[in-house]
């Protein structure tokens, strides 16, 4: 089930990010959806509303999946996102899956990639 959950977490995020949040919710979300991002309303409708707005306001944004890790009922995604003006971000998203393989809870963190760094290491 871990590999299936990993595949579904990526497909869910990609579908929503690329402009089809309603399809992502219909296909991948369980009976409930708990949202921990303070900028997004709780529940399925809040998720759809947020990503529909993002698609309209930032249609040229892009995403690359860097890492996908699963343990138990959780899947973690690390992504590289590029937004208008060439602003780049590292994100980490955590999804909780129910016993039916559906997403029921989400946490995330985002950090802008700085133009200068105190070291030569990448953020990946």
PDB file of N, CA and C in Angstrom:
ATOM      1  N   UNK A   1       0.825  -1.204   0.000  1.00  0.00           N
ATOM      2  CA  UNK A   1       0.000   0.000   0.000  1.00  0.00           C
ATOM      3  C   UNK A   1       0.867   1.266   0.000  1.00  0.00           C
ATOM      4  N   UNK A   2       2.080   1.168   0.555  1.00  0.00           N
ATOM      5  CA  UNK A   2       2.956   2.352   0.606  1.00  0.00           C
ATOM      6  C   UNK A   2       3.256   2.892  -0.790  1.00  0.00           C
ATOM      7  N   UNK A   3       3.589   2.024  -1.719  1.00  0.00           N
ATOM      8  CA  UNK A   3       3.919   2.473  -3.076  1.00  0.00           C
ATOM      9  C   UNK A   3       2.702   3.100  -3.758  1.00  0.00           C
ATOM     10  N   UNK A   4       1.544   2.510  -3.547  1.00  0.00           N
ATOM     11  CA  UNK A   4       0.303   3.062  -4.118  1.00  0.00           C
ATOM     12  C   UNK A   4       0.001   4.429  -3.517  1.00  0.00           C
ATOM     13  N   UNK A   5       0.159   4.572  -2.206  1.00  0.00           N
ATOM     14  CA  UNK A   5      -0.074   5.866  -1.554  1.00  0.00           C
ATOM     15  C   UNK A   5       0.903   6.920  -2.069  1.00  0.00           C
ATOM     16  N   UNK A   6       2.163   6.540  -2.267  1.00  0.00           N
ATOM     17  CA  UNK A   6       3.151   7.477  -2.808  1.00  0.00           C
ATOM     18  C   UNK A   6       2.730   7.947  -4.203  1.00  0.00           C
ATOM     19  N   UNK A   7       2.373   7.002  -5.044  1.00  0.00           N
ATOM     20  CA  UNK A   7       1.936   7.328  -6.403  1.00  0.00           C
ATOM     21  C   UNK A   7       0.709   8.244  -6.381  1.00  0.00           C
ATOM     22  N   UNK A   8      -0.243   7.942  -5.497  1.00  0.00           N
ATOM     23  CA  UNK A   8      -1.465   8.736  -5.420  1.00  0.00           C
ATOM     24  C   UNK A   8      -1.235  10.126  -4.835  1.00  0.00           C
ATOM     25  N   UNK A   9      -0.314  10.263  -3.898  1.00  0.00           N
ATOM     26  CA  UNK A   9      -0.005  11.585  -3.342  1.00  0.00           C
ATOM     27  C   UNK A   9       0.565  12.491  -4.429  1.00  0.00           C
ATOM     28  N   UNK A  10       1.481  11.964  -5.231  1.00  0.00           N
ATOM     29  CA  UNK A  10       2.064  12.745  -6.326  1.00  0.00           C
ATOM     30  C   UNK A  10       0.992  13.098  -7.355  1.00  0.00           C
ATOM     31  N   UNK A  11       0.190  12.136  -7.757  1.00  0.00           N
ATOM     32  CA  UNK A  11      -0.852  12.383  -8.757  1.00  0.00           C
ATOM     33  C   UNK A  11      -1.862  13.419  -8.257  1.00  0.00           C
ATOM     34  N   UNK A  12      -2.243  13.312  -6.984  1.00  0.00           N
ATOM     35  CA  UNK A  12      -3.176  14.263  -6.373  1.00  0.00           C
ATOM     36  C   UNK A  12      -2.612  15.675  -6.412  1.00  0.00           C
ATOM     37  N   UNK A  13      -1.395  15.835  -5.928  1.00  0.00           N
ATOM     38  CA  UNK A  13      -0.779  17.159  -5.849  1.00  0.00           C
ATOM     39  C   UNK A  13      -0.583  17.738  -7.245  1.00  0.00           C
ATOM     40  N   UNK A  14      -0.094  16.931  -8.159  1.00  0.00           N
ATOM     41  CA  UNK A  14       0.156  17.385  -9.526  1.00  0.00           C
ATOM     42  C   UNK A  14      -1.151  17.827 -10.192  1.00  0.00           C
ATOM     43  N   UNK A  15      -2.199  17.036 -10.057  1.00  0.00           N
ATOM     44  CA  UNK A  15      -3.481  17.366 -10.660  1.00  0.00           C
ATOM     45  C   UNK A  15      -4.024  18.685 -10.119  1.00  0.00           C
ATOM     46  N   UNK A  16      -3.965  18.866  -8.815  1.00  0.00           N
ATOM     47  CA  UNK A  16      -4.460  20.104  -8.210  1.00  0.00           C
ATOM     48  C   UNK A  16      -3.595  21.286  -8.619  1.00  0.00           C
ATOM     49  N   UNK A  17      -2.286  21.122  -8.553  1.00  0.00           N
ATOM     50  CA  UNK A  17      -1.335  22.190  -8.842  1.00  0.00           C
ATOM     51  C   UNK A  17      -1.446  22.649 -10.291  1.00  0.00           C
ATOM     52  N   UNK A  18      -1.718  21.708 -11.179  1.00  0.00           N
ATOM     53  CA  UNK A  18      -1.785  22.033 -12.601  1.00  0.00           C
ATOM     54  C   UNK A  18      -3.175  22.495 -13.044  1.00  0.00           C
ATOM     55  N   UNK A  19      -4.085  22.724 -12.096  1.00  0.00           N
ATOM     56  CA  UNK A  19      -5.342  23.380 -12.426  1.00  0.00           C
ATOM     57  C   UNK A  19      -6.601  22.560 -12.350  1.00  0.00           C
ATOM     58  N   UNK A  20      -6.536  21.345 -11.812  1.00  0.00           N
ATOM     59  CA  UNK A  20      -7.757  20.541 -11.695  1.00  0.00           C
ATOM     60  C   UNK A  20      -7.963  20.070 -10.254  1.00  0.00           C
ATOM     61  N   UNK A  21      -8.132  21.021  -9.316  1.00  0.00           N
ATOM     62  CA  UNK A  21      -8.298  20.600  -7.923  1.00  0.00           C
ATOM     63  C   UNK A  21      -9.582  19.822  -7.667  1.00  0.00           C
ATOM     64  N   UNK A  22     -10.631  20.124  -8.384  1.00  0.00           N
ATOM     65  CA  UNK A  22     -11.897  19.401  -8.188  1.00  0.00           C
ATOM     66  C   UNK A  22     -11.724  17.932  -8.581  1.00  0.00           C
ATOM     67  N   UNK A  23     -11.060  17.678  -9.690  1.00  0.00           N
ATOM     68  CA  UNK A  23     -10.790  16.304 -10.107  1.00  0.00           C
ATOM     69  C   UNK A  23      -9.893  15.589  -9.104  1.00  0.00           C
ATOM     70  N   UNK A  24      -8.900  16.315  -8.567  1.00  0.00           N
ATOM     71  CA  UNK A  24      -8.001  15.736  -7.563  1.00  0.00           C
ATOM     72  C   UNK A  24      -8.783  15.326  -6.323  1.00  0.00           C
ATOM     73  N   UNK A  25      -9.672  16.192  -5.873  1.00  0.00           N
ATOM     74  CA  UNK A  25     -10.483  15.896  -4.689  1.00  0.00           C
ATOM     75  C   UNK A  25     -11.402  14.704  -4.969  1.00  0.00           C
ATOM     76  N   UNK A  26     -12.081  14.725  -6.102  1.00  0.00           N
ATOM     77  CA  UNK A  26     -13.018  13.651  -6.433  1.00  0.00           C
ATOM     78  C   UNK A  26     -12.328  12.297  -6.512  1.00  0.00           C
ATOM     79  N   UNK A  27     -11.100  12.280  -6.998  1.00  0.00           N
ATOM     80  CA  UNK A  27     -10.404  11.012  -7.225  1.00  0.00           C
ATOM     81  C   UNK A  27      -9.591  10.520  -6.022  1.00  0.00           C
ATOM     82  N   UNK A  28      -9.015  11.453  -5.234  1.00  0.00           N
ATOM     83  CA  UNK A  28      -8.026  11.050  -4.238  1.00  0.00           C
ATOM     84  C   UNK A  28      -8.377  11.332  -2.773  1.00  0.00           C
ATOM     85  N   UNK A  29      -9.403  12.139  -2.510  1.00  0.00           N
ATOM     86  CA  UNK A  29      -9.732  12.527  -1.130  1.00  0.00           C
ATOM     87  C   UNK A  29     -10.791  11.592  -0.556  1.00  0.00           C
ATOM     88  N   UNK A  30     -10.650  11.293   0.735  1.00  0.00           N
ATOM     89  CA  UNK A  30     -11.614  10.450   1.433  1.00  0.00           C
ATOM     90  C   UNK A  30     -12.861  11.213   1.842  1.00  0.00           C
ATOM     91  N   UNK A  31     -13.600  10.650   2.788  1.00  0.00           N
ATOM     92  CA  UNK A  31     -14.857  11.255   3.238  1.00  0.00           C
ATOM     93  C   UNK A  31     -14.646  12.607   3.911  1.00  0.00           C
ATOM     94  N   UNK A  32     -13.494  12.779   4.519  1.00  0.00           N
ATOM     95  CA  UNK A  32     -13.188  14.048   5.204  1.00  0.00           C
ATOM     96  C   UNK A  32     -11.812  14.500   4.746  1.00  0.00           C
ATOM     97  N   UNK A  33     -11.532  15.799   4.933  1.00  0.00           N
ATOM     98  CA  UNK A  33     -10.218  16.322   4.579  1.00  0.00           C
ATOM     99  C   UNK A  33      -9.861  17.413   5.590  1.00  0.00           C
ATOM    100  N   UNK A  34      -8.871  17.130   6.411  1.00  0.00           N
ATOM    101  CA  UNK A  34      -8.418  18.068   7.440  1.00  0.00           C
ATOM    102  C   UNK A  34      -7.206  18.813   6.895  1.00  0.00           C
ATOM    103  N   UNK A  35      -7.273  20.123   6.911  1.00  0.00           N
ATOM    104  CA  UNK A  35      -6.228  20.980   6.361  1.00  0.00           C
ATOM    105  C   UNK A  35      -5.511  21.714   7.492  1.00  0.00           C
ATOM    106  N   UNK A  36      -4.174  21.625   7.515  1.00  0.00           N
ATOM    107  CA  UNK A  36      -3.390  22.304   8.553  1.00  0.00           C
ATOM    108  C   UNK A  36      -2.683  23.557   8.048  1.00  0.00           C
ATOM    109  N   UNK A  37      -2.718  23.825   6.751  1.00  0.00           N
ATOM    110  CA  UNK A  37      -2.129  25.054   6.217  1.00  0.00           C
ATOM    111  C   UNK A  37      -3.040  26.210   6.619  1.00  0.00           C
ATOM    112  N   UNK A  38      -2.525  27.205   7.347  1.00  0.00           N
ATOM    113  CA  UNK A  38      -3.383  28.292   7.825  1.00  0.00           C
ATOM    114  C   UNK A  38      -3.903  29.205   6.722  1.00  0.00           C
ATOM    115  N   UNK A  39      -3.371  29.095   5.505  1.00  0.00           N
ATOM    116  CA  UNK A  39      -3.837  29.921   4.390  1.00  0.00           C
ATOM    117  C   UNK A  39      -4.943  29.255   3.573  1.00  0.00           C
ATOM    118  N   UNK A  40      -5.294  28.014   3.931  1.00  0.00           N
ATOM    119  CA  UNK A  40      -6.292  27.265   3.174  1.00  0.00           C
ATOM    120  C   UNK A  40      -7.418  26.851   4.121  1.00  0.00           C
ATOM    121  N   UNK A  41      -8.651  27.102   3.702  1.00  0.00           N
ATOM    122  CA  UNK A  41      -9.797  26.715   4.516  1.00  0.00           C
ATOM    123  C   UNK A  41      -9.835  25.198   4.681  1.00  0.00           C
ATOM    124  N   UNK A  42     -10.360  24.752   5.791  1.00  0.00           N
ATOM    125  CA  UNK A  42     -10.487  23.328   6.074  1.00  0.00           C
ATOM    126  C   UNK A  42     -11.491  22.694   5.120  1.00  0.00           C
ATOM    127  N   UNK A  43     -11.313  21.416   4.849  1.00  0.00           N
ATOM    128  CA  UNK A  43     -12.277  20.661   4.056  1.00  0.00           C
ATOM    129  C   UNK A  43     -11.994  20.684   2.562  1.00  0.00           C
ATOM    130  N   UNK A  44     -12.778  19.881   1.857  1.00  0.00           N
ATOM    131  CA  UNK A  44     -12.615  19.729   0.415  1.00  0.00           C
ATOM    132  C   UNK A  44     -12.857  21.029  -0.339  1.00  0.00           C
ATOM    133  N   UNK A  45     -13.925  21.741   0.025  1.00  0.00           N
ATOM    134  CA  UNK A  45     -14.258  22.983  -0.678  1.00  0.00           C
ATOM    135  C   UNK A  45     -13.172  24.037  -0.503  1.00  0.00           C
ATOM    136  N   UNK A  46     -12.590  24.106   0.681  1.00  0.00           N
ATOM    137  CA  UNK A  46     -11.504  25.059   0.923  1.00  0.00           C
ATOM    138  C   UNK A  46     -10.300  24.747   0.047  1.00  0.00           C
ATOM    139  N   UNK A  47      -9.972  23.473  -0.092  1.00  0.00           N
ATOM    140  CA  UNK A  47      -8.862  23.049  -0.939  1.00  0.00           C
ATOM    141  C   UNK A  47      -9.126  23.442  -2.390  1.00  0.00           C
ATOM    142  N   UNK A  48     -10.316  23.122  -2.885  1.00  0.00           N
ATOM    143  CA  UNK A  48     -10.674  23.430  -4.272  1.00  0.00           C
ATOM    144  C   UNK A  48     -10.600  24.933  -4.510  1.00  0.00           C
ATOM    145  N   UNK A  49     -11.179  25.706  -3.616  1.00  0.00           N
ATOM    146  CA  UNK A  49     -11.187  27.162  -3.753  1.00  0.00           C
ATOM    147  C   UNK A  49      -9.766  27.723  -3.822  1.00  0.00           C
ATOM    148  N   UNK A  50      -8.893  27.254  -2.949  1.00  0.00           N
ATOM    149  CA  UNK A  50      -7.519  27.742  -2.910  1.00  0.00           C
ATOM    150  C   UNK A  50      -6.786  27.433  -4.219  1.00  0.00           C
ATOM    151  N   UNK A  51      -6.857  26.189  -4.676  1.00  0.00           N
ATOM    152  CA  UNK A  51      -6.103  25.816  -5.874  1.00  0.00           C
ATOM    153  C   UNK A  51      -6.721  26.367  -7.158  1.00  0.00           C
ATOM    154  N   UNK A  52      -8.024  26.597  -7.195  1.00  0.00           N
ATOM    155  CA  UNK A  52      -8.622  27.268  -8.350  1.00  0.00           C
ATOM    156  C   UNK A  52      -8.114  28.702  -8.439  1.00  0.00           C
ATOM    157  N   UNK A  53      -8.001  29.360  -7.288  1.00  0.00           N
ATOM    158  CA  UNK A  53      -7.467  30.728  -7.261  1.00  0.00           C
ATOM    159  C   UNK A  53      -6.003  30.745  -7.694  1.00  0.00           C
ATOM    160  N   UNK A  54      -5.205  29.789  -7.211  1.00  0.00           N
ATOM    161  CA  UNK A  54      -3.793  29.728  -7.593  1.00  0.00           C
ATOM    162  C   UNK A  54      -3.636  29.509  -9.101  1.00  0.00           C
ATOM    163  N   UNK A  55      -4.471  28.655  -9.691  1.00  0.00           N
ATOM    164  CA  UNK A  55      -4.395  28.381 -11.129  1.00  0.00           C
ATOM    165  C   UNK A  55      -4.722  29.624 -11.942  1.00  0.00           C
ATOM    166  N   UNK A  56      -5.684  30.409 -11.454  1.00  0.00           N
ATOM    167  CA  UNK A  56      -6.086  31.617 -12.159  1.00  0.00           C
ATOM    168  C   UNK A  56      -5.021  32.712 -12.014  1.00  0.00           C
ATOM    169  N   UNK A  57      -4.498  32.884 -10.801  1.00  0.00           N
ATOM    170  CA  UNK A  57      -3.545  33.962 -10.543  1.00  0.00           C
ATOM    171  C   UNK A  57      -2.131  33.652 -11.021  1.00  0.00           C
ATOM    172  N   UNK A  58      -1.749  32.382 -11.036  1.00  0.00           N
ATOM    173  CA  UNK A  58      -0.373  31.987 -11.374  1.00  0.00           C
ATOM    174  C   UNK A  58      -0.364  30.801 -12.346  1.00  0.00           C
ATOM    175  N   UNK A  59      -0.910  30.967 -13.545  1.00  0.00           N
ATOM    176  CA  UNK A  59      -1.007  29.826 -14.463  1.00  0.00           C
ATOM    177  C   UNK A  59       0.344  29.296 -14.947  1.00  0.00           C
ATOM    178  N   UNK A  60       1.388  30.101 -14.888  1.00  0.00           N
ATOM    179  CA  UNK A  60       2.688  29.672 -15.401  1.00  0.00           C
ATOM    180  C   UNK A  60       3.600  29.054 -14.346  1.00  0.00           C
ATOM    181  N   UNK A  61       3.093  28.806 -13.150  1.00  0.00           N
ATOM    182  CA  UNK A  61       3.911  28.166 -12.115  1.00  0.00           C
ATOM    183  C   UNK A  61       4.228  26.725 -12.515  1.00  0.00           C
ATOM    184  N   UNK A  62       5.315  26.189 -11.957  1.00  0.00           N
ATOM    185  CA  UNK A  62       5.671  24.803 -12.272  1.00  0.00           C
ATOM    186  C   UNK A  62       6.127  24.087 -11.007  1.00  0.00           C
ATOM    187  N   UNK A  63       6.106  22.760 -11.078  1.00  0.00           N
ATOM    188  CA  UNK A  63       6.467  21.939  -9.925  1.00  0.00           C
ATOM    189  C   UNK A  63       7.296  20.742 -10.377  1.00  0.00           C
ATOM    190  N   UNK A  64       8.281  20.411  -9.559  1.00  0.00           N
ATOM    191  CA  UNK A  64       9.093  19.213  -9.763  1.00  0.00           C
ATOM    192  C   UNK A  64       9.099  18.451  -8.448  1.00  0.00           C
ATOM    193  N   UNK A  65       8.831  17.159  -8.506  1.00  0.00           N
ATOM    194  CA  UNK A  65       8.840  16.326  -7.311  1.00  0.00           C
ATOM    195  C   UNK A  65      10.252  15.799  -7.103  1.00  0.00           C
ATOM    196  N   UNK A  66      10.849  16.165  -5.969  1.00  0.00           N
ATOM    197  CA  UNK A  66      12.243  15.824  -5.679  1.00  0.00           C
ATOM    198  C   UNK A  66      12.327  14.519  -4.893  1.00  0.00           C
ATOM    199  N   UNK A  67      11.491  14.381  -3.864  1.00  0.00           N
ATOM    200  CA  UNK A  67      11.500  13.170  -3.028  1.00  0.00           C
ATOM    201  C   UNK A  67      10.067  12.799  -2.660  1.00  0.00           C
ATOM    202  N   UNK A  68       9.856  11.490  -2.537  1.00  0.00           N
ATOM    203  CA  UNK A  68       8.587  10.956  -2.048  1.00  0.00           C
ATOM    204  C   UNK A  68       8.946   9.861  -1.047  1.00  0.00           C
ATOM    205  N   UNK A  69       8.474  10.028   0.181  1.00  0.00           N
ATOM    206  CA  UNK A  69       8.794   9.087   1.255  1.00  0.00           C
ATOM    207  C   UNK A  69       7.482   8.661   1.917  1.00  0.00           C
ATOM    208  N   UNK A  70       7.365   7.370   2.222  1.00  0.00           N
ATOM    209  CA  UNK A  70       6.152   6.882   2.873  1.00  0.00           C
ATOM    210  C   UNK A  70       6.502   6.028   4.073  1.00  0.00           C
ATOM    211  N   UNK A  71       5.681   6.179   5.099  1.00  0.00           N
ATOM    212  CA  UNK A  71       5.796   5.353   6.299  1.00  0.00           C
ATOM    213  C   UNK A  71       4.416   5.252   6.918  1.00  0.00           C
ATOM    214  N   UNK A  72       3.956   4.040   7.131  1.00  0.00           N
ATOM    215  CA  UNK A  72       2.635   3.850   7.734  1.00  0.00           C
ATOM    216  C   UNK A  72       1.560   4.504   6.888  1.00  0.00           C
ATOM    217  N   UNK A  73       0.784   5.362   7.498  1.00  0.00           N
ATOM    218  CA  UNK A  73      -0.316   6.040   6.806  1.00  0.00           C
ATOM    219  C   UNK A  73       0.087   7.399   6.231  1.00  0.00           C
ATOM    220  N   UNK A  74       1.371   7.756   6.327  1.00  0.00           N
ATOM    221  CA  UNK A  74       1.839   9.070   5.881  1.00  0.00           C
ATOM    222  C   UNK A  74       2.699   8.984   4.630  1.00  0.00           C
ATOM    223  N   UNK A  75       2.530   9.990   3.764  1.00  0.00           N
ATOM    224  CA  UNK A  75       3.397  10.184   2.609  1.00  0.00           C
ATOM    225  C   UNK A  75       3.919  11.612   2.670  1.00  0.00           C
ATOM    226  N   UNK A  76       5.234  11.766   2.482  1.00  0.00           N
ATOM    227  CA  UNK A  76       5.870  13.081   2.466  1.00  0.00           C
ATOM    228  C   UNK A  76       6.390  13.370   1.065  1.00  0.00           C
ATOM    229  N   UNK A  77       6.122  14.579   0.581  1.00  0.00           N
ATOM    230  CA  UNK A  77       6.617  15.032  -0.711  1.00  0.00           C
ATOM    231  C   UNK A  77       7.533  16.225  -0.499  1.00  0.00           C
ATOM    232  N   UNK A  78       8.660  16.228  -1.165  1.00  0.00           N
ATOM    233  CA  UNK A  78       9.512  17.413  -1.219  1.00  0.00           C
ATOM    234  C   UNK A  78       9.485  17.872  -2.669  1.00  0.00           C
ATOM    235  N   UNK A  79       9.180  19.143  -2.888  1.00  0.00           N
ATOM    236  CA  UNK A  79       9.070  19.657  -4.248  1.00  0.00           C
ATOM    237  C   UNK A  79       9.920  20.896  -4.444  1.00  0.00           C
ATOM    238  N   UNK A  80      10.171  21.169  -5.709  1.00  0.00           N
ATOM    239  CA  UNK A  80      10.792  22.418  -6.140  1.00  0.00           C
ATOM    240  C   UNK A  80       9.752  23.118  -6.995  1.00  0.00           C
ATOM    241  N   UNK A  81       9.350  24.308  -6.567  1.00  0.00           N
ATOM    242  CA  UNK A  81       8.339  25.062  -7.292  1.00  0.00           C
ATOM    243  C   UNK A  81       8.952  26.347  -7.826  1.00  0.00           C
ATOM    244  N   UNK A  82       8.581  26.685  -9.053  1.00  0.00           N
ATOM    245  CA  UNK A  82       8.996  27.947  -9.660  1.00  0.00           C
ATOM    246  C   UNK A  82       7.737  28.743  -9.960  1.00  0.00           C
ATOM    247  N   UNK A  83       7.722  29.982  -9.481  1.00  0.00           N
ATOM    248  CA  UNK A  83       6.567  30.861  -9.609  1.00  0.00           C
ATOM    249  C   UNK A  83       6.929  32.058 -10.474  1.00  0.00           C
ATOM    250  N   UNK A  84       5.959  32.881 -10.832  1.00  0.00           N
ATOM    251  CA  UNK A  84       6.247  34.057 -11.671  1.00  0.00           C
ATOM    252  C   UNK A  84       7.387  34.894 -11.086  1.00  0.00           C
ATOM    253  N   UNK A  85       8.154  35.493 -11.970  1.00  0.00           N
ATOM    254  CA  UNK A  85       9.299  36.278 -11.543  1.00  0.00           C
ATOM    255  C   UNK A  85      10.479  35.402 -11.190  1.00  0.00           C
ATOM    256  N   UNK A  86      10.390  34.112 -11.538  1.00  0.00           N
ATOM    257  CA  UNK A  86      11.429  33.132 -11.250  1.00  0.00           C
ATOM    258  C   UNK A  86      11.668  32.941  -9.754  1.00  0.00           C
ATOM    259  N   UNK A  87      10.657  33.201  -8.935  1.00  0.00           N
ATOM    260  CA  UNK A  87      10.747  32.904  -7.506  1.00  0.00           C
ATOM    261  C   UNK A  87      10.694  31.391  -7.348  1.00  0.00           C
ATOM    262  N   UNK A  88      11.653  30.845  -6.599  1.00  0.00           N
ATOM    263  CA  UNK A  88      11.735  29.410  -6.409  1.00  0.00           C
ATOM    264  C   UNK A  88      11.513  29.053  -4.942  1.00  0.00           C
ATOM    265  N   UNK A  89      10.825  27.938  -4.719  1.00  0.00           N
ATOM    266  CA  UNK A  89      10.472  27.503  -3.371  1.00  0.00           C
ATOM    267  C   UNK A  89      10.748  26.017  -3.197  1.00  0.00           C
ATOM    268  N   UNK A  90      11.115  25.652  -1.984  1.00  0.00           N
ATOM    269  CA  UNK A  90      11.167  24.272  -1.550  1.00  0.00           C
ATOM    270  C   UNK A  90       9.919  24.061  -0.707  1.00  0.00           C
ATOM    271  N   UNK A  91       9.163  23.013  -1.002  1.00  0.00           N
ATOM    272  CA  UNK A  91       8.003  22.698  -0.171  1.00  0.00           C
ATOM    273  C   UNK A  91       8.116  21.280   0.350  1.00  0.00           C
ATOM    274  N   UNK A  92       7.509  21.070   1.496  1.00  0.00           N
ATOM    275  CA  UNK A  92       7.385  19.745   2.073  1.00  0.00           C
ATOM    276  C   UNK A  92       5.937  19.566   2.482  1.00  0.00           C
ATOM    277  N   UNK A  93       5.309  18.566   1.911  1.00  0.00           N
ATOM    278  CA  UNK A  93       3.904  18.275   2.192  1.00  0.00           C
ATOM    279  C   UNK A  93       3.793  16.879   2.781  1.00  0.00           C
ATOM    280  N   UNK A  94       2.915  16.757   3.758  1.00  0.00           N
ATOM    281  CA  UNK A  94       2.651  15.466   4.398  1.00  0.00           C
ATOM    282  C   UNK A  94       1.172  15.160   4.241  1.00  0.00           C
ATOM    283  N   UNK A  95       0.876  13.968   3.755  1.00  0.00           N
ATOM    284  CA  UNK A  95      -0.501  13.535   3.564  1.00  0.00           C
ATOM    285  C   UNK A  95      -0.761  12.287   4.390  1.00  0.00           C
ATOM    286  N   UNK A  96      -1.892  12.285   5.087  1.00  0.00           N
ATOM    287  CA  UNK A  96      -2.324  11.107   5.832  1.00  0.00           C
ATOM    288  C   UNK A  96      -3.377  10.395   4.998  1.00  0.00           C
ATOM    289  N   UNK A  97      -3.212   9.075   4.857  1.00  0.00           N
ATOM    290  CA  UNK A  97      -4.135   8.249   4.095  1.00  0.00           C
ATOM    291  C   UNK A  97      -5.002   7.419   5.041  1.00  0.00           C
ATOM    292  N   UNK A  98      -6.245   7.182   4.632  1.00  0.00           N
ATOM    293  CA  UNK A  98      -7.112   6.300   5.412  1.00  0.00           C
ATOM    294  C   UNK A  98      -6.912   4.852   4.969  1.00  0.00           C
ATOM    295  N   UNK A  99      -7.674   3.940   5.554  1.00  0.00           N
ATOM    296  CA  UNK A  99      -7.528   2.513   5.258  1.00  0.00           C
ATOM    297  C   UNK A  99      -7.963   2.156   3.836  1.00  0.00           C
ATOM    298  N   UNK A 100      -8.653   3.078   3.150  1.00  0.00           N
ATOM    299  CA  UNK A 100      -9.086   2.856   1.771  1.00  0.00           C
ATOM    300  C   UNK A 100      -8.127   3.470   0.745  1.00  0.00           C
ATOM    301  N   UNK A 101      -6.994   3.997   1.232  1.00  0.00           N
ATOM    302  CA  UNK A 101      -6.028   4.613   0.333  1.00  0.00           C
ATOM    303  C   UNK A 101      -6.414   6.000  -0.131  1.00  0.00           C
ATOM    304  N   UNK A 102      -7.250   6.680   0.652  1.00  0.00           N
ATOM    305  CA  UNK A 102      -7.678   8.039   0.315  1.00  0.00           C
ATOM    306  C   UNK A 102      -7.020   9.038   1.275  1.00  0.00           C
ATOM    307  N   UNK A 103      -6.721  10.227   0.764  1.00  0.00           N
ATOM    308  CA  UNK A 103      -6.101  11.284   1.569  1.00  0.00           C
ATOM    309  C   UNK A 103      -7.156  11.905   2.475  1.00  0.00           C
ATOM    310  N   UNK A 104      -6.814  12.046   3.767  1.00  0.00           N
ATOM    311  CA  UNK A 104      -7.768  12.604   4.728  1.00  0.00           C
ATOM    312  C   UNK A 104      -7.194  13.771   5.544  1.00  0.00           C
ATOM    313  N   UNK A 105      -5.872  14.021   5.416  1.00  0.00           N
ATOM    314  CA  UNK A 105      -5.278  15.096   6.213  1.00  0.00           C
ATOM    315  C   UNK A 105      -4.005  15.586   5.526  1.00  0.00           C
ATOM    316  N   UNK A 106      -3.694  16.888   5.724  1.00  0.00           N
ATOM    317  CA  UNK A 106      -2.542  17.505   5.040  1.00  0.00           C
ATOM    318  C   UNK A 106      -1.854  18.539   5.933  1.00  0.00           C
ATOM    319  N   UNK A 107      -0.514  18.484   5.914  1.00  0.00           N
ATOM    320  CA  UNK A 107       0.345  19.493   6.554  1.00  0.00           C
ATOM    321  C   UNK A 107       1.359  19.933   5.509  1.00  0.00           C
ATOM    322  N   UNK A 108       1.853  21.168   5.590  1.00  0.00           N
ATOM    323  CA  UNK A 108       2.912  21.577   4.670  1.00  0.00           C
ATOM    324  C   UNK A 108       3.776  22.683   5.245  1.00  0.00           C
ATOM    325  N   UNK A 109       4.901  22.861   4.590  1.00  0.00           N
ATOM    326  CA  UNK A 109       5.834  23.931   4.922  1.00  0.00           C
ATOM    327  C   UNK A 109       6.465  24.383   3.619  1.00  0.00           C
ATOM    328  N   UNK A 110       6.686  25.684   3.486  1.00  0.00           N
ATOM    329  CA  UNK A 110       7.261  26.241   2.264  1.00  0.00           C
ATOM    330  C   UNK A 110       8.352  27.234   2.632  1.00  0.00           C
ATOM    331  N   UNK A 111       9.424  27.207   1.855  1.00  0.00           N
ATOM    332  CA  UNK A 111      10.533  28.130   2.091  1.00  0.00           C
ATOM    333  C   UNK A 111      11.043  28.619   0.744  1.00  0.00           C
ATOM    334  N   UNK A 112      11.161  29.932   0.620  1.00  0.00           N
ATOM    335  CA  UNK A 112      11.703  30.478  -0.612  1.00  0.00           C
ATOM    336  C   UNK A 112      13.202  30.183  -0.688  1.00  0.00           C
ATOM    337  N   UNK A 113      13.667  29.807  -1.869  1.00  0.00           N
ATOM    338  CA  UNK A 113      15.089  29.560  -2.068  1.00  0.00           C
ATOM    339  C   UNK A 113      15.776  30.917  -2.188  1.00  0.00           C
ATOM    340  N   UNK A 114      16.712  31.205  -1.297  1.00  0.00           N
ATOM    341  CA  UNK A 114      17.349  32.531  -1.323  1.00  0.00           C
ATOM    342  C   UNK A 114      18.316  32.684  -2.498  1.00  0.00           C
ATOM    343  N   UNK A 115      18.542  33.923  -2.896  1.00  0.00           N
ATOM    344  CA  UNK A 115      19.497  34.211  -3.971  1.00  0.00           C
ATOM    345  C   UNK A 115      20.928  33.935  -3.509  1.00  0.00           C
ATOM    346  N   UNK A 116      21.188  34.122  -2.217  1.00  0.00           N
ATOM    347  CA  UNK A 116      22.512  33.881  -1.648  1.00  0.00           C
ATOM    348  C   UNK A 116      22.374  32.938  -0.462  1.00  0.00           C
ATOM    349  N   UNK A 117      23.422  32.132  -0.248  1.00  0.00           N
ATOM    350  CA  UNK A 117      23.411  31.169   0.851  1.00  0.00           C
ATOM    351  C   UNK A 117      24.701  31.272   1.636  1.00  0.00           C
ATOM    352  N   UNK A 118      24.634  30.969   2.919  1.00  0.00           N
ATOM    353  CA  UNK A 118      25.832  30.967   3.769  1.00  0.00           C
ATOM    354  C   UNK A 118      26.700  29.729   3.530  1.00  0.00           C
ATOM    355  N   UNK A 119      26.204  28.771   2.701  1.00  0.00           N
ATOM    356  CA  UNK A 119      26.989  27.575   2.378  1.00  0.00           C
ATOM    357  C   UNK A 119      26.753  27.210   0.913  1.00  0.00           C
ATOM    358  N   UNK A 120      27.466  26.214   0.440  1.00  0.00           N
ATOM    359  CA  UNK A 120      27.373  25.794  -0.964  1.00  0.00           C
ATOM    360  C   UNK A 120      26.429  24.614  -1.176  1.00  0.00           C
ATOM    361  N   UNK A 121      25.747  24.194  -0.142  1.00  0.00           N
ATOM    362  CA  UNK A 121      24.819  23.071  -0.239  1.00  0.00           C
ATOM    363  C   UNK A 121      23.514  23.526  -0.880  1.00  0.00           C
ATOM    364  N   UNK A 122      22.898  22.646  -1.643  1.00  0.00           N
ATOM    365  CA  UNK A 122      21.572  22.976  -2.168  1.00  0.00           C
ATOM    366  C   UNK A 122      20.535  22.709  -1.072  1.00  0.00           C
ATOM    367  N   UNK A 123      19.321  23.125  -1.324  1.00  0.00           N
ATOM    368  CA  UNK A 123      18.250  22.876  -0.348  1.00  0.00           C
ATOM    369  C   UNK A 123      17.611  21.516  -0.580  1.00  0.00           C
ATOM    370  N   UNK A 124      18.198  20.711  -1.469  1.00  0.00           N
ATOM    371  CA  UNK A 124      17.685  19.377  -1.745  1.00  0.00           C
ATOM    372  C   UNK A 124      18.714  18.348  -1.366  1.00  0.00           C
TER     373      UNK A 124
END
